[in-house]
Amino acid sequence: MKKKKKFSHGWLTLFISVICLIGTLLLYKFVKVDDVFCVILMTFSIVIGIYGIFQITRDAYN
């Protein structure tokens, strides 16, 4: 019997993180918001991306 491959939500989380990083870059480029606000948004996006990578590795070994 074939084992069905389970969808990993880590890929979705990682994709959302990349979209947030690109959105923050475009926000800074076109709207010219404060630097500190953009750094905070990018930090949250990177943390979400790291969480997505942890989800992918957790699902790969379980």
C-alpha atoms as a PDB file:
ATOM      1  CA  MET A   1       0.000   0.000   0.000  1.00  0.00           C
ATOM      2  CA  LYS A   2       1.359   3.394  -0.961  1.00  0.00           C
ATOM      3  CA  LYS A   3       1.851   5.977   1.711  1.00  0.00           C
ATOM      4  CA  LYS A   4       0.182   9.264   0.781  1.00  0.00           C
ATOM      5  CA  LYS A   5       2.471  12.260   1.147  1.00  0.00           C
ATOM      6  CA  LYS A   6       1.172  14.754   3.688  1.00  0.00           C
ATOM      7  CA  PHE A   7       1.120  18.473   2.832  1.00  0.00           C
ATOM      8  CA  SER A   8       3.552  20.454   4.957  1.00  0.00           C
ATOM      9  CA  HIS A   9       2.222  23.762   6.231  1.00  0.00           C
ATOM     10  CA  GLY A  10       5.813  24.923   6.580  1.00  0.00           C
ATOM     11  CA  TRP A  11       5.993  25.676   2.853  1.00  0.00           C
ATOM     12  CA  LEU A  12       2.936  27.911   3.159  1.00  0.00           C
ATOM     13  CA  THR A  13       4.448  29.691   6.158  1.00  0.00           C
ATOM     14  CA  LEU A  14       7.723  30.191   4.305  1.00  0.00           C
ATOM     15  CA  PHE A  15       5.856  31.564   1.259  1.00  0.00           C
ATOM     16  CA  ILE A  16       3.949  34.021   3.470  1.00  0.00           C
ATOM     17  CA  SER A  17       7.249  35.126   4.994  1.00  0.00           C
ATOM     18  CA  VAL A  18       8.751  35.855   1.562  1.00  0.00           C
ATOM     19  CA  ILE A  19       5.631  37.797   0.541  1.00  0.00           C
ATOM     20  CA  CYS A  20       5.878  39.868   3.740  1.00  0.00           C
ATOM     21  CA  LEU A  21       9.552  40.618   3.108  1.00  0.00           C
ATOM     22  CA  ILE A  22       8.836  41.758  -0.447  1.00  0.00           C
ATOM     23  CA  GLY A  23       5.876  43.808   0.782  1.00  0.00           C
ATOM     24  CA  THR A  24       8.033  45.517   3.387  1.00  0.00           C
ATOM     25  CA  LEU A  25      10.641  46.352   0.765  1.00  0.00           C
ATOM     26  CA  LEU A  26       8.018  47.838  -1.550  1.00  0.00           C
ATOM     27  CA  LEU A  27       6.442  49.720   1.349  1.00  0.00           C
ATOM     28  CA  TYR A  28       9.770  51.308   2.199  1.00  0.00           C
ATOM     29  CA  LYS A  29      10.589  52.085  -1.414  1.00  0.00           C
ATOM     30  CA  PHE A  30       7.315  53.708  -2.455  1.00  0.00           C
ATOM     31  CA  VAL A  31       5.710  55.031   0.739  1.00  0.00           C
ATOM     32  CA  LYS A  32       8.879  56.085   2.604  1.00  0.00           C
ATOM     33  CA  VAL A  33       7.854  55.046   6.098  1.00  0.00           C
ATOM     34  CA  ASP A  34      10.191  55.208   9.088  1.00  0.00           C
ATOM     35  CA  ASP A  35      13.287  52.963   9.054  1.00  0.00           C
ATOM     36  CA  VAL A  36      12.559  51.499  12.497  1.00  0.00           C
ATOM     37  CA  PHE A  37       9.081  50.385  11.417  1.00  0.00           C
ATOM     38  CA  CYS A  38      10.517  48.613   8.358  1.00  0.00           C
ATOM     39  CA  VAL A  39      13.187  46.886  10.439  1.00  0.00           C
ATOM     40  CA  ILE A  40      10.529  45.635  12.852  1.00  0.00           C
ATOM     41  CA  LEU A  41       8.382  44.325   9.968  1.00  0.00           C
ATOM     42  CA  MET A  42      11.376  42.600   8.368  1.00  0.00           C
ATOM     43  CA  THR A  43      12.345  41.042  11.705  1.00  0.00           C
ATOM     44  CA  PHE A  44       8.851  39.598  12.113  1.00  0.00           C
ATOM     45  CA  SER A  45       8.967  38.277   8.544  1.00  0.00           C
ATOM     46  CA  ILE A  46      12.315  36.575   9.153  1.00  0.00           C
ATOM     47  CA  VAL A  47      11.038  35.020  12.392  1.00  0.00           C
ATOM     48  CA  ILE A  48       8.000  33.676  10.526  1.00  0.00           C
ATOM     49  CA  GLY A  49      10.340  32.271   7.856  1.00  0.00           C
ATOM     50  CA  ILE A  50      12.482  30.520  10.462  1.00  0.00           C
ATOM     51  CA  TYR A  51       9.347  29.050  12.011  1.00  0.00           C
ATOM     52  CA  GLY A  52       8.338  27.775   8.558  1.00  0.00           C
ATOM     53  CA  ILE A  53      11.727  26.079   8.156  1.00  0.00           C
ATOM     54  CA  PHE A  54      11.292  24.425  11.559  1.00  0.00           C
ATOM     55  CA  GLN A  55       7.849  23.190  10.479  1.00  0.00           C
ATOM     56  CA  ILE A  56       9.294  21.702   7.291  1.00  0.00           C
ATOM     57  CA  THR A  57      12.055  19.868   9.140  1.00  0.00           C
ATOM     58  CA  ARG A  58       9.652  18.660  11.843  1.00  0.00           C
ATOM     59  CA  ASP A  59       7.263  17.261   9.243  1.00  0.00           C
ATOM     60  CA  ALA A  60      10.120  15.633   7.336  1.00  0.00           C
ATOM     61  CA  TYR A  61      11.272  13.592  10.322  1.00  0.00           C
ATOM     62  CA  ASN A  62       7.834  12.659  11.743  1.00  0.00           C
END
